[in-house]
Each structure stands twice: as structure tokens, then as C-alpha cells.
């Protein structure tokens, strides 16, 4: 069954990660990235932006097996900040705290910095360019990967960000998958996201409402990659927030709970909001 297109203001909500060292991970996300702790106990912590909007839940699992290299799961969580000035200030904050970056990129539609948390979960911090400047090529959204002018962004930022700014959200989630066809069948056919571009070899990008992407999927770890051990470290689930209860029920197709799983057993929580 192919779903109709999702409402244009569909978005990604809270991401849930299973982690080995909860205290160390909370210290990283608050100290290096400036997240605010919204709730914490010995089993979990929920973190958010300066407006106290929840973005990330960390679940303590000290004995969980590691995710094998090259297996399916999280490629990165992409935290979107409202302005270029915010991005420059966040880059300055991360640099000031001595945390290494893994790369920077100008994607034409957005500007981004990349790093990983202490347990190897990929992170992107980015800001969008104005939508009216986005281009198409051969009927698809044009995205590229070019060098980013980092010094100009840091100058614009005016100093390290005091915290993750209000208005920051989870702009998209990027997954390593075993099959692009299966990913498209689930996220496009089953959930109703639209494909925006196939321009990157081995990757697929999907969105609602003409956004450049709410979901990225790639087979850069290898077609047919294995799923990680059940209960392993890393991505547990992420929310797709649909601003229509009727559409949410249609997407769930009578499922007893609000969380369904893709072909690689990543949990997708379908919520209304």
C-alpha cells in the first residue's frame, strides 16, 4: 500500500540512543554541544535546546553489545540551528572545548559541520539556506558537497554559543541501510515521504513538504549489511511527528502501538503534534 504524501509540516522529533556510559554522554551533550538536561535518572536522560524542547533521549545500557562496524543503523543525527550565526557560534563552542570535527560541508541547500559523540554516534550540526535559493537538476533537488567557509562562519558567530539555541531541532536523521529499495519501500511507500534526490551514489534522500531531506539512507557500509545485535548500542528509534491524527492512524495501519520498524529493525515512532 502506497501512502499519500505526508502533511508538509511533518518533522522529525526526539531521537533515542542506547548508550554504555550515561553520565559521560550527558556530560558531552551538555558540555560540548550545550544541550539542556530536561529530565534525568539512573536509567535515562532527556536533553533539549535552550527553549527546553526535547530532542534526544539517552538510555543507559552498560552491558549492551557494541554495534559492529559496517552494520545498519545510525549514520548521523542532524541538529539544525536557526541561523548561520548560530552555526558559527556552535562551531566555535565545539572547537573551544577541544572536541574534534570529522568534516565540514557546503551542501548548497545547507551548511554543516560533522563530528561524533564519545560512543561513536554520528552528529551533524547545520543550518539551512533560504528555501528560495534551492535549485533543481534533472527534476531532483540539487545537493552537493563542497568546502565550507568555516572562518567566515566563526567570525559571524561572534564567539562560542552559550548553549544549543532555542529553535534548534532535529532537522533530519541519516541511516545506514541494507538496501535502498527496501528503505524506499518503507519510508516512501509505507510512510509517505517523497524522494527528493538520488544524485549521491549509494544514497537516497526523502522528505515531506518539499524539504531537502528529513531522512537520508545510504549503503556506503555495503549492500546487504547486517543488522546489529538486538538491544545493542546506538540508535533505538526516532519520532516522525505528523500534524494530523487521522494521517498518523493511516500510517500506522492499525498497528497496536505507535512504533513500527523498518527493514533493518530501526524503530520509527509515529506521533501526532
Protein backbone atom coordinates (compact mmCIF):
# COMPACT_ATOMS: atom_id res chain seq x y z
CA UNK A 1 0.00 0.00 0.00
CA UNK A 2 1.41 3.38 -1.01
CA UNK A 3 0.55 6.18 1.37
CA UNK A 4 -0.50 9.64 0.22
CA UNK A 5 2.10 12.36 0.71
CA UNK A 6 2.61 13.39 4.32
CA UNK A 7 1.44 16.82 5.53
CA UNK A 8 4.05 19.47 4.63
CA UNK A 9 4.84 20.31 8.24
CA UNK A 10 5.72 16.74 9.17
CA UNK A 11 9.03 16.75 11.05
CA UNK A 12 11.49 14.59 12.94
CA UNK A 13 11.07 14.59 16.71
CA UNK A 14 13.00 13.00 19.58
CA UNK A 15 15.82 10.56 18.81
CA UNK A 16 16.51 7.72 21.26
CA UNK A 17 20.02 6.27 21.66
CA UNK A 18 21.11 3.33 23.78
CA UNK A 19 24.41 4.24 25.48
CA UNK A 20 27.00 2.49 27.60
CA UNK A 21 28.07 5.39 29.88
CA UNK A 22 25.11 7.64 30.58
CA UNK A 23 26.99 10.17 32.72
CA UNK A 24 29.78 10.62 30.18
CA UNK A 25 27.31 11.03 27.35
CA UNK A 26 25.25 13.60 29.23
CA UNK A 27 28.47 15.48 30.02
CA UNK A 28 29.37 15.51 26.33
CA UNK A 29 25.99 16.68 25.04
CA UNK A 30 25.66 19.37 27.70
CA UNK A 31 29.30 20.47 27.86
CA UNK A 32 30.37 20.25 24.23
CA UNK A 33 27.09 20.87 22.41
CA UNK A 34 25.24 22.92 25.01
CA UNK A 35 22.14 20.77 25.38
CA UNK A 36 19.94 21.35 28.42
CA UNK A 37 19.02 18.45 30.72
CA UNK A 38 15.23 18.23 30.88
CA UNK A 39 14.97 15.03 32.90
CA UNK A 40 17.49 12.51 34.21
CA UNK A 41 17.67 9.49 36.45
CA UNK A 42 19.94 6.46 36.62
CA UNK A 43 18.26 4.82 33.63
CA UNK A 44 17.87 7.65 31.13
CA UNK A 45 18.27 11.33 30.34
CA UNK A 46 16.23 13.56 28.07
CA UNK A 47 18.03 16.57 26.60
CA UNK A 48 16.82 19.59 24.68
CA UNK A 49 17.54 23.07 23.41
CA UNK A 50 17.51 26.41 25.23
CA UNK A 51 13.72 26.52 24.89
CA UNK A 52 13.58 23.18 26.72
CA UNK A 53 12.17 21.38 23.72
CA UNK A 54 13.19 17.68 23.91
CA UNK A 55 15.45 16.46 21.11
CA UNK A 56 17.38 13.47 22.43
CA UNK A 57 16.82 10.66 24.94
CA UNK A 58 19.77 8.61 26.15
CA UNK A 59 19.00 5.15 27.56
CA UNK A 60 21.57 3.62 29.90
CA UNK A 61 22.67 0.10 28.89
CA UNK A 62 26.12 -0.55 30.39
CA UNK A 63 26.21 -4.19 29.26
CA UNK A 64 24.74 -3.72 25.77
CA UNK A 65 26.74 -5.18 22.88
CA UNK A 66 28.53 -2.76 20.58
CA UNK A 67 27.24 -2.10 17.08
CA UNK A 68 29.59 -3.93 14.67
CA UNK A 69 31.42 -1.79 12.16
CA UNK A 70 29.56 -1.58 8.85
CA UNK A 71 26.23 -2.76 10.24
CA UNK A 72 22.97 -0.96 9.67
CA UNK A 73 21.77 1.80 11.96
CA UNK A 74 22.61 5.41 12.58
CA UNK A 75 24.86 7.33 10.22
CA UNK A 76 24.19 10.63 11.97
CA UNK A 77 21.59 12.70 13.77
CA UNK A 78 21.43 16.19 12.26
CA UNK A 79 20.70 19.03 14.68
CA UNK A 80 19.52 22.10 12.79
CA UNK A 81 20.12 25.58 14.21
CA UNK A 82 18.10 28.60 13.07
CA UNK A 83 20.77 30.84 11.51
CA UNK A 84 24.27 30.93 10.04
CA UNK A 85 25.31 32.97 13.06
CA UNK A 86 24.10 30.15 15.31
CA UNK A 87 26.10 27.63 13.29
CA UNK A 88 29.26 29.73 13.54
CA UNK A 89 28.79 30.08 17.29
CA UNK A 90 28.21 26.33 17.68
CA UNK A 91 31.36 25.53 15.68
CA UNK A 92 33.28 27.94 17.93
CA UNK A 93 31.85 26.29 21.05
CA UNK A 94 32.81 22.79 19.95
CA UNK A 95 36.29 23.94 18.94
CA UNK A 96 36.78 25.80 22.25
CA UNK A 97 36.04 22.60 24.13
CA UNK A 98 38.67 20.73 22.15
CA UNK A 99 36.34 18.21 20.53
CA UNK A 100 37.49 17.06 17.05
CA UNK A 101 35.43 17.64 13.93
CA UNK A 102 35.18 14.95 11.27
CA UNK A 103 34.40 17.34 8.44
CA UNK A 104 32.60 20.40 7.14
CA UNK A 105 30.48 20.80 4.01
CA UNK A 106 28.52 23.25 1.95
CA UNK A 107 25.61 21.24 0.54
CA UNK A 108 24.11 24.17 -1.43
CA UNK A 109 20.81 23.79 0.45
CA UNK A 110 22.60 23.88 3.82
CA UNK A 111 25.93 24.36 5.60
CA UNK A 112 27.12 21.69 8.01
CA UNK A 113 29.74 20.55 10.50
CA UNK A 114 30.26 16.88 11.37
CA UNK A 115 31.54 15.12 14.49
CA UNK A 116 30.80 12.05 16.61
CA UNK A 117 29.88 11.64 20.27
CA UNK A 118 32.08 9.64 22.70
CA UNK A 119 30.40 6.36 21.74
CA UNK A 120 30.73 6.93 18.00
CA UNK A 121 27.22 8.12 17.15
CA UNK A 122 27.47 10.50 14.20
CA UNK A 123 26.35 14.10 14.62
CA UNK A 124 25.71 16.85 12.11
CA UNK A 125 25.15 20.46 13.20
CA UNK A 126 23.77 22.52 10.34
CA UNK A 127 21.70 25.44 9.15
CA UNK A 128 19.57 25.73 6.05
CA UNK A 129 20.00 28.24 3.28
CA UNK A 130 16.75 30.07 2.37
CA UNK A 131 14.44 27.70 0.54
CA UNK A 132 14.02 30.13 -2.36
CA UNK A 133 17.73 29.66 -3.17
CA UNK A 134 17.47 25.87 -3.51
CA UNK A 135 17.89 24.57 -7.04
CA UNK A 136 16.81 21.52 -9.00
CA UNK A 137 18.67 19.48 -11.58
CA UNK A 138 17.10 16.88 -13.85
CA UNK A 139 13.88 17.04 -11.85
CA UNK A 140 15.56 16.46 -8.49
CA UNK A 141 16.67 18.76 -5.72
CA UNK A 142 20.29 19.78 -6.23
CA UNK A 143 22.53 18.99 -3.28
CA UNK A 144 26.28 18.80 -3.43
CA UNK A 145 29.28 18.57 -1.12
CA UNK A 146 31.71 21.46 -1.39
CA UNK A 147 34.20 23.05 1.04
CA UNK A 148 32.66 25.15 3.79
CA UNK A 149 33.98 28.61 4.63
CA UNK A 150 34.47 27.88 8.31
CA UNK A 151 36.42 31.05 9.26
CA UNK A 152 33.64 33.28 7.93
CA UNK A 153 31.03 31.38 9.94
CA UNK A 154 33.07 31.60 13.14
CA UNK A 155 33.54 35.34 12.58
CA UNK A 156 29.80 35.74 12.01
CA UNK A 157 29.06 33.77 15.17
CA UNK A 158 30.77 36.37 17.32
CA UNK A 159 32.08 33.86 19.86
CA UNK A 160 31.17 30.45 21.27
CA UNK A 161 27.47 29.72 21.72
CA UNK A 162 26.44 29.74 25.39
CA UNK A 163 24.13 26.77 24.74
CA UNK A 164 22.25 24.97 21.98
CA UNK A 165 19.97 27.79 20.85
CA UNK A 166 16.22 27.95 21.09
CA UNK A 167 14.65 26.86 17.86
CA UNK A 168 17.26 24.15 17.29
CA UNK A 169 15.66 20.86 16.31
CA UNK A 170 16.35 17.51 14.71
CA UNK A 171 16.34 18.52 11.06
CA UNK A 172 16.92 15.01 9.75
CA UNK A 173 18.15 11.54 10.55
CA UNK A 174 20.59 9.73 8.23
CA UNK A 175 20.69 5.92 8.31
CA UNK A 176 22.97 3.20 7.07
CA UNK A 177 20.66 0.63 5.49
CA UNK A 178 20.99 -2.79 3.88
CA UNK A 179 19.01 -1.91 0.75
CA UNK A 180 17.95 1.40 -0.80
CA UNK A 181 14.99 -0.33 -2.44
CA UNK A 182 13.74 -1.63 0.91
CA UNK A 183 14.35 1.74 2.54
CA UNK A 184 12.36 3.49 -0.18
CA UNK A 185 9.55 0.95 0.08
CA UNK A 186 9.26 1.61 3.81
CA UNK A 187 9.92 5.34 4.16
CA UNK A 188 8.32 6.26 0.84
CA UNK A 189 5.68 3.63 0.18
CA UNK A 190 4.80 2.77 3.79
CA UNK A 191 5.19 6.15 5.50
CA UNK A 192 4.57 8.55 2.63
CA UNK A 193 7.82 10.51 2.39
CA UNK A 194 8.77 11.80 -1.07
CA UNK A 195 12.12 11.09 -2.69
CA UNK A 196 13.94 14.41 -3.21
CA UNK A 197 17.17 13.22 -4.82
CA UNK A 198 19.14 10.16 -5.87
CA UNK A 199 22.11 12.20 -7.05
CA UNK A 200 24.55 10.80 -4.48
CA UNK A 201 25.86 7.34 -5.43
CA UNK A 202 24.63 4.75 -2.95
CA UNK A 203 22.26 7.13 -1.19
CA UNK A 204 18.64 8.20 -1.16
CA UNK A 205 17.07 11.30 0.39
CA UNK A 206 13.39 11.70 1.31
CA UNK A 207 11.23 14.41 2.83
CA UNK A 208 7.78 15.83 3.42
CA UNK A 209 6.62 19.20 2.15
CA UNK A 210 9.50 19.81 -0.25
CA UNK A 211 12.19 19.96 2.44
CA UNK A 212 15.62 18.86 1.21
CA UNK A 213 15.50 15.78 3.43
CA UNK A 214 14.04 14.56 6.67
CA UNK A 215 15.64 11.17 6.03
CA UNK A 216 18.88 10.12 4.43
CA UNK A 217 19.62 6.47 3.66
CA UNK A 218 22.87 5.04 2.37
CA UNK A 219 24.51 1.70 1.59
CA UNK A 220 28.03 3.04 1.96
CA UNK A 221 28.70 0.31 4.53
CA UNK A 222 27.81 -2.28 1.91
CA UNK A 223 24.65 -3.56 0.24
CA UNK A 224 23.16 -6.29 2.40
CA UNK A 225 24.81 -5.03 5.59
CA UNK A 226 23.78 -6.96 8.69
CA UNK A 227 21.60 -5.53 11.43
CA UNK A 228 23.37 -5.01 14.77
CA UNK A 229 22.66 -7.26 17.76
CA UNK A 230 19.24 -6.86 19.34
CA UNK A 231 19.48 -4.50 22.29
CA UNK A 232 22.82 -3.16 21.07
CA UNK A 233 24.27 0.30 21.49
CA UNK A 234 23.26 3.13 19.19
CA UNK A 235 20.00 4.15 17.59
CA UNK A 236 16.87 2.68 19.14
CA UNK A 237 14.22 4.83 17.45
CA UNK A 238 13.29 8.27 16.22
CA UNK A 239 9.99 10.09 16.06
CA UNK A 240 8.16 11.14 12.92
CA UNK A 241 5.81 13.89 14.08
CA UNK A 242 2.71 14.12 11.87
CA UNK A 243 0.46 17.15 12.47
CA UNK A 244 -2.71 15.15 11.81
CA UNK A 245 -4.10 12.39 13.99
CA UNK A 246 -6.05 10.98 11.04
CA UNK A 247 -2.92 10.69 8.90
CA UNK A 248 -0.99 9.24 11.84
CA UNK A 249 -3.59 6.47 12.21
CA UNK A 250 -3.48 5.81 8.48
CA UNK A 251 0.31 5.48 8.54
CA UNK A 252 0.11 3.03 11.44
CA UNK A 253 -2.43 0.91 9.51
CA UNK A 254 -3.97 -0.49 12.66
CA UNK A 255 -0.68 -1.28 14.42
CA UNK A 256 -1.27 -1.77 18.12
CA UNK A 257 1.47 0.65 19.12
CA UNK A 258 2.85 3.90 17.75
CA UNK A 259 6.28 2.43 16.92
CA UNK A 260 6.93 0.41 13.79
CA UNK A 261 10.22 -0.91 12.42
CA UNK A 262 11.93 -0.55 9.06
CA UNK A 263 13.57 -3.41 7.17
CA UNK A 264 16.71 -3.03 9.32
CA UNK A 265 14.78 -3.00 12.62
CA UNK A 266 15.19 0.71 13.35
CA UNK A 267 12.22 1.86 15.41
CA UNK A 268 10.12 4.70 13.99
CA UNK A 269 7.67 6.22 16.47
CA UNK A 270 4.72 7.80 14.66
CA UNK A 271 3.34 10.61 16.82
CA UNK A 272 0.95 13.48 16.23
CA UNK A 273 1.80 17.03 17.13
